[in-house]
N, C-alpha and C. Protein backbone atom coordinates (compact mmCIF):
# COMPACT_ATOMS: atom_id res chain seq x y z
N MET A 1 38.82 39.17 -5.75
CA MET A 1 39.81 39.61 -4.77
C MET A 1 40.02 41.09 -4.60
N ARG A 2 39.73 41.52 -3.74
CA ARG A 2 40.36 42.89 -3.20
C ARG A 2 41.84 43.22 -3.38
N GLU A 3 42.57 43.90 -4.50
CA GLU A 3 44.32 44.13 -4.66
C GLU A 3 44.42 45.13 -3.68
N LEU A 4 45.50 44.93 -2.56
CA LEU A 4 45.91 46.14 -1.69
C LEU A 4 46.45 47.63 -2.57
N ARG A 5 46.29 48.29 -2.68
CA ARG A 5 47.42 49.50 -3.11
C ARG A 5 47.79 50.52 -2.10
N LEU A 6 48.88 50.70 -1.73
CA LEU A 6 49.47 51.02 -0.67
C LEU A 6 50.30 51.66 -0.96
N PRO A 7 50.69 53.31 0.00
CA PRO A 7 51.47 54.24 -0.64
C PRO A 7 52.74 53.88 -0.78
N LYS A 8 53.90 54.04 -1.90
CA LYS A 8 54.98 53.81 -2.22
C LYS A 8 55.64 54.66 -2.16
N ALA A 9 57.40 54.66 -1.47
CA ALA A 9 58.13 55.70 -1.48
C ALA A 9 59.17 55.47 -3.15
N ALA A 10 59.41 56.44 -4.27
CA ALA A 10 59.94 56.01 -5.02
C ALA A 10 61.41 57.01 -4.77
N ALA A 11 62.38 55.96 -5.03
CA ALA A 11 64.02 56.50 -4.59
C ALA A 11 64.63 57.16 -5.98
N ILE A 12 64.71 58.35 -6.21
CA ILE A 12 65.49 58.96 -7.58
C ILE A 12 66.78 59.68 -7.31
N ARG A 13 67.75 58.71 -8.27
CA ARG A 13 69.14 59.67 -7.81
C ARG A 13 69.44 60.25 -9.15
N LEU A 14 69.80 61.51 -8.91
CA LEU A 14 70.53 62.32 -9.65
C LEU A 14 72.06 62.21 -9.88
N SER A 15 72.56 62.11 -10.70
CA SER A 15 74.35 61.71 -11.44
C SER A 15 74.42 63.14 -11.65
N VAL A 16 75.46 63.39 -11.32
CA VAL A 16 75.98 65.34 -11.35
C VAL A 16 76.47 64.94 -13.04
N ALA A 17 77.18 63.70 -13.12
CA ALA A 17 77.83 63.41 -14.60
C ALA A 17 77.23 62.68 -15.30
N LYS A 18 77.00 63.04 -16.51
CA LYS A 18 75.04 62.11 -17.09
C LYS A 18 76.35 60.80 -17.83
N SER A 19 77.66 60.84 -18.19
CA SER A 19 78.60 59.67 -18.14
C SER A 19 78.07 58.52 -17.23
N SER A 20 78.11 58.87 -15.95
CA SER A 20 77.61 57.46 -15.22
C SER A 20 76.10 56.77 -15.22
N ALA A 21 75.01 57.64 -15.78
CA ALA A 21 74.06 57.25 -15.78
C ALA A 21 73.82 55.82 -16.31
N LYS A 22 72.98 54.97 -15.95
CA LYS A 22 72.86 53.06 -16.08
C LYS A 22 72.17 53.72 -17.68
N PRO A 23 72.18 52.68 -18.30
CA PRO A 23 71.31 51.92 -20.13
C PRO A 23 69.96 52.52 -19.23
N GLN A 24 68.77 52.82 -20.10
CA GLN A 24 67.40 52.71 -20.16
C GLN A 24 66.68 50.96 -19.54
N ALA A 25 66.49 51.18 -18.42
CA ALA A 25 65.96 49.67 -18.49
C ALA A 25 64.92 48.82 -19.75
N GLY A 26 64.31 49.89 -19.64
CA GLY A 26 63.35 49.24 -20.83
C GLY A 26 62.16 50.38 -21.57
N GLY A 27 62.67 51.24 -21.71
CA GLY A 27 62.39 52.66 -21.95
C GLY A 27 60.62 52.81 -22.41
N LEU A 28 59.84 52.25 -21.46
CA LEU A 28 58.60 52.31 -20.74
C LEU A 28 58.17 53.61 -20.12
N GLY A 29 58.83 54.40 -19.57
CA GLY A 29 58.82 54.85 -18.81
C GLY A 29 58.81 54.88 -17.16
N LEU A 30 58.96 55.63 -16.46
CA LEU A 30 59.21 55.60 -14.73
C LEU A 30 57.72 54.38 -14.51
N ALA A 31 57.03 54.78 -14.49
CA ALA A 31 55.57 54.20 -14.27
C ALA A 31 55.87 52.58 -14.38
N ALA A 32 55.85 52.71 -16.06
CA ALA A 32 55.42 50.83 -16.83
C ALA A 32 56.61 50.59 -15.93
N ASP A 33 58.35 51.01 -15.84
CA ASP A 33 59.37 50.44 -15.49
C ASP A 33 59.14 50.10 -14.33
N THR A 34 58.89 50.61 -12.67
CA THR A 34 58.86 50.40 -11.70
C THR A 34 57.47 49.41 -11.53
N SER A 35 56.37 49.38 -11.96
CA SER A 35 55.85 48.69 -11.84
C SER A 35 55.63 46.75 -12.59
N THR A 36 56.68 46.90 -13.47
CA THR A 36 57.20 46.09 -14.03
C THR A 36 58.26 45.43 -12.97
N ILE A 37 59.45 46.21 -12.45
CA ILE A 37 60.16 45.93 -11.40
C ILE A 37 59.67 45.21 -10.22
N GLU A 38 58.37 45.86 -9.36
CA GLU A 38 57.99 45.20 -8.23
C GLU A 38 57.44 44.01 -8.67
N LYS A 39 56.47 44.08 -9.92
CA LYS A 39 56.20 42.33 -10.36
C LYS A 39 56.63 41.40 -10.42
N ASN A 40 58.54 41.81 -11.44
CA ASN A 40 59.47 40.55 -11.01
C ASN A 40 59.96 40.38 -10.15
N GLY A 41 59.78 41.38 -9.47
CA GLY A 41 60.55 41.00 -7.89
C GLY A 41 59.81 39.98 -6.96
N HIS A 42 58.67 40.32 -7.41
CA HIS A 42 57.52 39.91 -6.67
C HIS A 42 57.51 37.99 -7.23
N GLU A 43 57.83 38.36 -8.46
CA GLU A 43 57.99 36.75 -9.23
C GLU A 43 59.06 35.87 -7.90
N ILE A 44 60.43 36.78 -8.10
CA ILE A 44 62.14 36.21 -7.63
C ILE A 44 61.44 35.23 -6.44
N ILE A 45 60.67 36.50 -5.70
CA ILE A 45 60.69 35.91 -4.19
C ILE A 45 59.68 34.70 -3.91
N LEU A 46 58.58 34.75 -4.97
CA LEU A 46 57.80 33.25 -5.17
C LEU A 46 58.51 32.63 -5.59
N ALA A 47 59.43 32.35 -6.51
CA ALA A 47 60.23 30.98 -7.30
C ALA A 47 60.98 30.56 -6.31
N ALA A 48 61.40 31.57 -4.88
CA ALA A 48 62.93 31.20 -4.51
C ALA A 48 61.83 30.44 -3.68
N ILE A 49 61.12 30.83 -3.05
CA ILE A 49 59.86 29.99 -2.11
C ILE A 49 59.53 28.72 -2.40
N MET A 50 59.32 28.80 -4.18
CA MET A 50 58.94 27.44 -4.89
C MET A 50 60.13 26.36 -4.38
N LEU A 51 61.29 26.50 -4.85
CA LEU A 51 62.38 26.27 -5.11
C LEU A 51 62.99 25.38 -3.87
N GLU A 52 62.69 26.93 -2.83
CA GLU A 52 62.61 25.75 -1.22
C GLU A 52 62.10 24.62 -0.77
N ASP A 53 60.50 24.74 -1.28
CA ASP A 53 59.76 23.37 -1.36
C ASP A 53 59.91 22.36 -2.43
N ARG A 54 60.78 22.75 -3.25
CA ARG A 54 61.47 21.80 -4.34
C ARG A 54 62.37 20.78 -3.33
N MET A 55 63.16 21.96 -3.09
CA MET A 55 64.42 21.24 -2.28
C MET A 55 63.82 20.33 -1.61
N ILE A 56 63.39 20.69 -0.46
CA ILE A 56 62.82 19.73 0.63
C ILE A 56 62.24 18.64 0.08
N GLU A 57 60.95 18.45 -0.98
CA GLU A 57 61.02 18.09 -1.33
C GLU A 57 61.74 16.18 -1.62
N ALA A 58 62.58 17.04 -2.38
CA ALA A 58 63.77 16.43 -3.21
C ALA A 58 64.93 15.35 -1.81
N THR A 59 65.07 16.45 -1.04
CA THR A 59 65.54 15.63 0.11
C THR A 59 65.21 14.92 0.92
N SER A 60 63.74 15.18 1.43
CA SER A 60 62.96 13.80 1.73
C SER A 60 62.81 12.64 1.32
N LYS A 61 63.05 12.97 -0.48
CA LYS A 61 62.99 11.64 -0.98
C LYS A 61 64.15 11.26 -1.29
N ILE A 62 65.31 11.79 -1.43
CA ILE A 62 66.75 10.74 -1.12
C ILE A 62 66.56 10.05 0.13
N MET A 63 66.49 10.74 1.17
CA MET A 63 66.72 10.47 2.60
C MET A 63 65.42 8.81 2.93
N PHE A 64 64.53 9.23 2.31
CA PHE A 64 62.86 8.41 3.00
C PHE A 64 62.98 7.73 2.01
N GLY A 65 62.95 8.06 0.55
CA GLY A 65 62.11 6.89 -0.56
C GLY A 65 61.18 7.97 -0.93
N SER A 66 60.10 7.34 -1.73
CA SER A 66 59.04 7.44 -1.81
C SER A 66 57.70 6.46 -1.60
N GLY A 67 58.38 5.26 -1.23
CA GLY A 67 57.75 3.81 -0.99
C GLY A 67 56.51 4.09 0.02
N GLY A 68 55.50 3.88 0.30
CA GLY A 68 54.66 3.75 1.87
C GLY A 68 55.33 3.43 3.28
N GLU A 69 56.11 2.45 2.96
CA GLU A 69 56.49 1.98 4.39
C GLU A 69 56.87 3.16 5.26
N LEU A 70 57.77 4.13 4.44
CA LEU A 70 58.45 5.58 5.51
C LEU A 70 57.75 6.84 5.03
N ARG A 71 56.68 6.45 4.68
CA ARG A 71 55.89 7.90 4.78
C ARG A 71 55.42 8.81 5.09
N ARG A 72 55.04 8.08 6.57
CA ARG A 72 55.11 9.06 7.51
C ARG A 72 55.97 9.52 8.25
N GLU A 73 57.69 9.03 8.11
CA GLU A 73 58.49 9.20 8.42
C GLU A 73 59.08 10.67 7.61
N ARG A 74 58.99 9.87 6.18
CA ARG A 74 59.32 11.34 4.89
C ARG A 74 58.36 12.46 5.59
N GLU A 75 57.10 12.86 5.65
CA GLU A 75 55.93 13.57 5.80
C GLU A 75 56.40 13.99 6.97
N PHE A 76 56.53 14.00 7.94
CA PHE A 76 57.55 14.40 9.49
C PHE A 76 58.68 15.37 9.04
N PHE A 77 59.42 14.36 8.31
CA PHE A 77 60.40 15.27 8.12
C PHE A 77 60.53 16.43 7.03
N ALA A 78 59.80 16.55 6.39
CA ALA A 78 59.91 17.30 5.54
C ALA A 78 58.71 18.41 6.08
N GLU A 79 57.54 18.25 6.52
CA GLU A 79 57.16 19.19 7.50
C GLU A 79 57.27 19.92 8.66
N GLU A 80 57.78 18.71 9.69
CA GLU A 80 57.93 19.17 10.97
C GLU A 80 59.62 19.54 11.21
N ILE A 81 60.54 19.53 10.29
CA ILE A 81 61.34 19.38 10.57
C ILE A 81 62.14 20.62 9.64
N MET A 82 62.48 20.22 8.21
CA MET A 82 62.75 20.83 7.25
C MET A 82 62.20 21.69 6.39
N GLY A 83 60.06 21.81 6.81
CA GLY A 83 60.05 22.85 6.31
C GLY A 83 59.41 24.15 7.24
N THR A 84 60.22 24.05 8.11
CA THR A 84 59.87 25.17 9.31
C THR A 84 60.75 26.34 9.10
N SER A 85 60.12 27.39 9.43
CA SER A 85 61.27 28.76 10.01
C SER A 85 62.42 29.00 10.18
N TYR A 86 62.52 27.98 10.84
CA TYR A 86 63.61 27.47 11.60
C TYR A 86 64.80 27.11 11.10
N PHE A 87 64.88 26.80 9.93
CA PHE A 87 65.84 26.53 9.22
C PHE A 87 65.56 26.99 7.64
N SER A 88 66.36 27.91 6.88
CA SER A 88 66.60 28.89 6.35
C SER A 88 66.93 28.87 4.98
N TYR A 89 66.38 29.17 3.94
CA TYR A 89 66.81 28.83 2.67
C TYR A 89 68.41 28.51 2.19
N ALA A 90 69.14 29.13 2.59
CA ALA A 90 70.53 28.68 2.78
C ALA A 90 70.80 27.23 3.73
N PHE A 91 70.45 27.27 4.79
CA PHE A 91 70.76 25.49 5.74
C PHE A 91 69.72 24.58 4.43
N LYS A 92 68.71 24.75 4.12
CA LYS A 92 68.36 23.49 3.06
C LYS A 92 68.78 23.45 1.68
N ARG A 93 69.17 24.88 1.40
CA ARG A 93 70.25 24.33 0.12
C ARG A 93 71.41 23.93 0.24
N ARG A 94 72.01 23.84 1.76
CA ARG A 94 73.22 22.88 1.61
C ARG A 94 73.06 21.93 2.17
N ALA A 95 71.79 21.52 3.00
CA ALA A 95 71.33 19.99 3.30
C ALA A 95 71.45 19.29 2.11
N PHE A 96 70.62 19.87 1.19
CA PHE A 96 69.87 19.39 -0.41
C PHE A 96 71.20 19.36 -1.04
N THR A 97 72.24 20.24 -1.47
CA THR A 97 73.42 19.85 -2.30
C THR A 97 74.23 18.69 -1.61
N ARG A 98 74.67 18.80 -0.15
CA ARG A 98 75.42 18.02 0.72
C ARG A 98 74.67 16.79 0.20
N LEU A 99 73.41 16.22 0.45
CA LEU A 99 73.18 14.59 0.06
C LEU A 99 73.51 14.52 -1.28
N LEU A 100 73.61 15.39 -2.17
CA LEU A 100 73.50 15.02 -4.21
C LEU A 100 74.84 14.52 -4.07
N GLU A 101 75.61 15.06 -3.38
CA GLU A 101 77.15 15.58 -3.41
C GLU A 101 77.39 13.87 -2.54
N LEU A 102 77.14 13.72 -1.23
CA LEU A 102 77.15 12.40 -0.62
C LEU A 102 76.39 11.23 -1.46
N PHE A 103 75.59 11.37 -2.21
CA PHE A 103 74.98 10.16 -2.64
C PHE A 103 75.27 10.26 -4.36
N SER A 104 76.62 11.04 -5.03
CA SER A 104 76.30 11.01 -6.33
C SER A 104 75.62 11.43 -7.33
N ILE A 105 74.47 12.35 -6.66
CA ILE A 105 73.52 12.02 -7.78
C ILE A 105 73.35 12.79 -8.84
N LEU A 106 74.16 13.57 -8.70
CA LEU A 106 74.49 14.76 -10.19
C LEU A 106 76.06 14.59 -10.33
N GLU A 107 76.13 14.58 -11.87
CA GLU A 107 77.72 15.07 -12.28
C GLU A 107 78.12 16.25 -11.29
N GLU A 108 79.43 16.30 -11.41
CA GLU A 108 80.55 17.89 -10.42
C GLU A 108 79.98 18.88 -11.05
N SER A 109 79.71 18.77 -12.87
CA SER A 109 79.78 19.89 -13.34
C SER A 109 78.31 20.28 -13.07
N GLU A 110 77.34 19.26 -13.03
CA GLU A 110 75.90 19.88 -12.87
C GLU A 110 75.39 19.94 -11.24
N LEU A 111 76.32 19.94 -10.76
CA LEU A 111 76.26 19.94 -9.05
C LEU A 111 76.88 21.54 -8.75
N LYS A 112 77.77 21.67 -9.61
CA LYS A 112 78.78 22.93 -9.37
C LYS A 112 77.34 24.14 -9.98
N GLN A 113 77.12 24.01 -11.25
CA GLN A 113 76.23 24.71 -11.90
C GLN A 113 74.70 24.94 -10.80
N LEU A 114 74.35 23.82 -10.21
CA LEU A 114 72.99 23.73 -9.75
C LEU A 114 73.34 24.78 -8.22
N LYS A 115 74.34 24.98 -7.70
CA LYS A 115 74.64 25.53 -6.25
C LYS A 115 74.75 26.60 -6.52
N ALA A 116 75.85 27.31 -7.65
CA ALA A 116 76.07 28.60 -8.00
C ALA A 116 74.26 29.16 -8.27
N GLY A 117 73.66 28.44 -9.53
CA GLY A 117 72.22 29.10 -9.11
C GLY A 117 71.37 29.39 -8.20
N LEU A 118 71.39 28.16 -7.09
CA LEU A 118 70.70 28.61 -5.99
C LEU A 118 71.60 29.23 -4.95
N ASN A 119 72.50 29.64 -5.31
CA ASN A 119 73.23 31.23 -4.51
C ASN A 119 72.57 32.48 -4.92
N LYS A 120 72.55 32.24 -6.32
CA LYS A 120 72.30 33.86 -6.75
C LYS A 120 70.72 33.88 -6.76
N VAL A 121 70.02 32.64 -6.79
CA VAL A 121 68.32 33.24 -6.43
C VAL A 121 68.09 33.57 -4.73
N MET A 122 69.19 32.55 -4.30
CA MET A 122 68.94 33.34 -2.98
C MET A 122 69.77 34.96 -2.55
N GLU A 123 70.35 34.86 -3.44
CA GLU A 123 70.81 36.53 -3.36
C GLU A 123 70.15 37.49 -4.08
N TRP A 124 69.12 37.27 -5.38
CA TRP A 124 68.15 38.15 -5.38
C TRP A 124 66.83 38.28 -4.76
N ARG A 125 66.64 37.22 -4.31
CA ARG A 125 65.55 37.08 -3.22
C ARG A 125 65.43 37.91 -2.19
N ASN A 126 66.58 37.79 -1.33
CA ASN A 126 67.24 39.06 -0.40
C ASN A 126 67.37 40.09 -0.62
N ALA A 127 67.77 40.72 -2.14
CA ALA A 127 68.07 42.01 -2.59
C ALA A 127 65.99 42.62 -2.82
N PHE A 128 66.05 41.58 -3.19
CA PHE A 128 64.34 42.50 -4.09
C PHE A 128 63.10 42.32 -2.48
N ALA A 129 63.72 41.28 -1.49
CA ALA A 129 63.30 41.61 -0.11
C ALA A 129 63.67 42.47 0.58
N HIS A 130 64.91 42.66 0.36
CA HIS A 130 65.58 44.15 1.50
C HIS A 130 65.85 45.12 0.99
N GLY A 131 65.80 45.38 -0.32
CA GLY A 131 66.79 46.28 -0.71
C GLY A 131 65.68 47.69 -1.18
N THR A 132 66.18 48.27 -1.69
CA THR A 132 65.39 49.68 -2.55
C THR A 132 65.11 49.94 -4.34
N VAL A 133 64.91 50.26 -4.95
CA VAL A 133 64.87 50.48 -6.32
C VAL A 133 65.12 51.81 -6.38
N ILE A 134 66.24 51.92 -6.98
CA ILE A 134 66.76 53.90 -7.22
C ILE A 134 66.54 53.39 -9.00
N THR A 135 65.79 54.28 -9.18
CA THR A 135 65.64 54.83 -10.82
C THR A 135 66.62 56.21 -10.38
N GLU A 136 67.24 56.28 -12.27
CA GLU A 136 68.31 56.85 -12.16
C GLU A 136 67.75 58.27 -13.14
N LEU A 137 67.90 59.49 -12.49
CA LEU A 137 67.18 60.16 -13.17
C LEU A 137 67.39 60.87 -14.61
N HIS A 138 68.52 60.19 -15.02
CA HIS A 138 69.06 59.95 -16.67
C HIS A 138 68.52 58.41 -17.65
N GLY A 139 68.27 57.65 -16.33
CA GLY A 139 67.74 56.74 -17.19
C GLY A 139 68.26 55.86 -16.32
N GLY A 140 67.75 54.24 -16.73
CA GLY A 140 67.69 53.32 -16.00
C GLY A 140 67.53 52.96 -14.22
N ASN A 141 67.40 51.88 -13.67
CA ASN A 141 67.20 51.61 -12.54
C ASN A 141 68.02 50.53 -11.84
N VAL A 142 68.26 50.49 -10.75
CA VAL A 142 69.27 50.11 -9.95
C VAL A 142 69.10 49.22 -8.31
N LEU A 143 68.79 48.19 -8.11
CA LEU A 143 68.82 47.64 -6.70
C LEU A 143 69.44 47.62 -6.15
N ARG A 144 69.39 47.84 -4.95
CA ARG A 144 70.83 48.57 -3.85
C ARG A 144 70.00 48.05 -2.86
N TYR A 145 71.33 46.93 -2.32
CA TYR A 145 71.21 46.21 -1.45
C TYR A 145 72.27 45.54 -0.46
N TYR A 146 72.02 45.24 0.50
CA TYR A 146 73.37 44.85 1.65
C TYR A 146 73.44 43.43 1.66
N SER A 147 74.99 43.44 1.26
CA SER A 147 75.41 41.83 1.14
C SER A 147 76.38 41.76 1.61
N GLY A 148 77.44 42.06 2.96
CA GLY A 148 78.63 41.87 2.89
C GLY A 148 78.96 43.60 2.31
N GLY A 149 78.45 44.36 2.42
CA GLY A 149 78.96 45.47 1.74
C GLY A 149 77.82 45.92 0.76
N TRP A 150 77.20 47.46 0.45
CA TRP A 150 76.44 47.82 -0.44
C TRP A 150 76.68 47.23 -2.05
N GLN A 151 76.02 46.57 -2.48
CA GLN A 151 75.59 46.26 -3.89
C GLN A 151 74.49 46.70 -4.71
N GLU A 152 74.58 47.44 -6.00
CA GLU A 152 73.67 47.68 -6.74
C GLU A 152 73.99 46.51 -7.73
N LEU A 153 72.31 46.07 -8.24
CA LEU A 153 72.41 45.56 -9.66
C LEU A 153 71.29 46.43 -10.42
N SER A 154 71.84 46.45 -11.75
CA SER A 154 71.57 47.24 -12.78
C SER A 154 70.02 46.00 -13.22
N LEU A 155 69.30 47.01 -13.08
CA LEU A 155 67.47 46.05 -13.37
C LEU A 155 67.51 46.23 -14.80
N ASN A 156 67.84 45.31 -15.69
CA ASN A 156 67.69 45.81 -16.76
C ASN A 156 66.71 44.31 -17.80
N ASP A 157 66.85 44.28 -18.95
CA ASP A 157 66.24 43.21 -19.68
C ASP A 157 67.65 41.90 -19.66
N ALA A 158 68.10 42.38 -19.77
CA ALA A 158 69.36 40.98 -19.77
C ALA A 158 69.62 40.59 -18.29
N PHE A 159 69.31 41.10 -17.55
CA PHE A 159 69.66 40.91 -15.67
C PHE A 159 68.24 40.10 -15.75
N PHE A 160 67.18 40.33 -15.78
CA PHE A 160 65.69 39.87 -15.91
C PHE A 160 65.89 38.47 -16.88
N GLU A 161 66.38 38.40 -17.63
CA GLU A 161 66.85 37.09 -18.52
C GLU A 161 67.69 36.21 -17.71
N LEU A 162 68.90 36.60 -17.70
CA LEU A 162 69.75 35.79 -16.95
C LEU A 162 68.64 35.02 -15.38
N VAL A 163 68.08 36.20 -14.73
CA VAL A 163 67.24 35.26 -13.20
C VAL A 163 66.13 34.76 -14.15
N GLU A 164 65.46 34.72 -14.69
CA GLU A 164 64.76 33.57 -15.18
C GLU A 164 65.43 32.48 -15.84
N SER A 165 66.13 32.18 -16.93
CA SER A 165 67.00 31.08 -17.09
C SER A 165 67.68 30.21 -16.03
N THR A 166 67.82 31.32 -14.94
CA THR A 166 69.12 30.58 -13.56
C THR A 166 67.62 29.41 -13.18
N ILE A 167 66.57 30.84 -12.68
CA ILE A 167 65.23 30.01 -12.08
C ILE A 167 64.84 28.23 -12.57
N ARG A 168 64.50 28.63 -14.25
CA ARG A 168 64.36 27.55 -14.95
C ARG A 168 64.95 26.75 -14.77
N SER A 169 66.64 26.80 -14.72
CA SER A 169 67.36 25.46 -14.80
C SER A 169 67.84 24.57 -13.63
N CYS A 170 67.47 25.68 -12.21
CA CYS A 170 67.44 25.08 -10.87
C CYS A 170 66.09 24.36 -10.77
N LEU A 171 64.82 24.74 -10.91
CA LEU A 171 63.84 24.13 -11.10
C LEU A 171 63.70 22.75 -11.54
N TYR A 172 64.50 22.88 -13.05
CA TYR A 172 64.20 21.48 -13.86
C TYR A 172 65.27 20.49 -12.95
N VAL A 173 66.43 21.15 -12.75
CA VAL A 173 67.38 20.36 -12.07
C VAL A 173 66.70 19.37 -10.57
N CYS A 174 65.66 20.18 -10.10
CA CYS A 174 65.54 19.72 -8.73
C CYS A 174 63.89 18.94 -9.37
N ASN A 175 63.56 19.36 -9.88
CA ASN A 175 62.31 18.29 -10.39
C ASN A 175 62.40 17.15 -11.10
N GLY A 176 63.52 17.26 -11.24
CA GLY A 176 63.97 15.73 -12.35
C GLY A 176 64.97 14.53 -10.85
N ILE A 177 64.84 15.52 -9.98
CA ILE A 177 65.83 14.68 -8.79
C ILE A 177 64.49 13.97 -8.60
N ILE A 178 63.21 14.76 -7.65
CA ILE A 178 62.52 14.34 -7.47
C ILE A 178 61.32 13.29 -8.02
N GLN A 179 61.56 13.48 -9.57
CA GLN A 179 61.02 12.59 -10.32
C GLN A 179 61.94 11.18 -10.41
N SER A 180 63.09 11.21 -10.32
CA SER A 180 64.02 10.03 -10.70
C SER A 180 64.07 8.87 -9.11
N ARG A 181 63.89 9.90 -8.03
CA ARG A 181 63.69 9.42 -7.05
C ARG A 181 62.31 8.88 -6.60
N GLY A 182 61.35 9.18 -7.20
CA GLY A 182 59.76 8.86 -7.00
C GLY A 182 59.94 7.36 -8.08
N GLU A 183 60.58 7.45 -9.23
CA GLU A 183 60.92 5.84 -10.04
C GLU A 183 61.34 4.50 -8.99
N GLN A 184 62.60 4.91 -8.60
CA GLN A 184 62.86 3.93 -7.89
C GLN A 184 62.51 2.99 -7.33
N THR A 185 61.17 3.53 -6.52
CA THR A 185 60.59 2.35 -5.45
C THR A 185 59.49 1.79 -6.22
């Protein structure tokens, strides 16, 4: 399949004081770092979509079970209500976590951690979808985005490790709920 090769704009920021420069993101060089950041941003967006799908499936199984008698209702709910673009990631997250609370499916600490993780995934997804990667002339990369005011994230290995562990944790919990709901019927 043909790979798109569209023109890109590079944002570079020159700091007057060297002391304000961010630490080097990976030390691979501007082109390699930019390519890795683009790929990672794409992965974050795809992971948010996957999490959204997992929340829809878990919500429908909590509400309708996984047995055959309500299969049509469950599929309609998942595809024609929750799966539409009318409901945002935030709405799906809220409905899902509210059901978890209502039916005491997770321990309070697990639920709190899941909510925080899903919130961060949404924030990172929005930041990469709408923000701008800026390369600091004296080292490092930041993602500048608007969320209640201008924000910046330092894009380095520690950040991407946090992203990966957060997404894996959220997927693990969602998949566990889906599997446990399939076993109950």
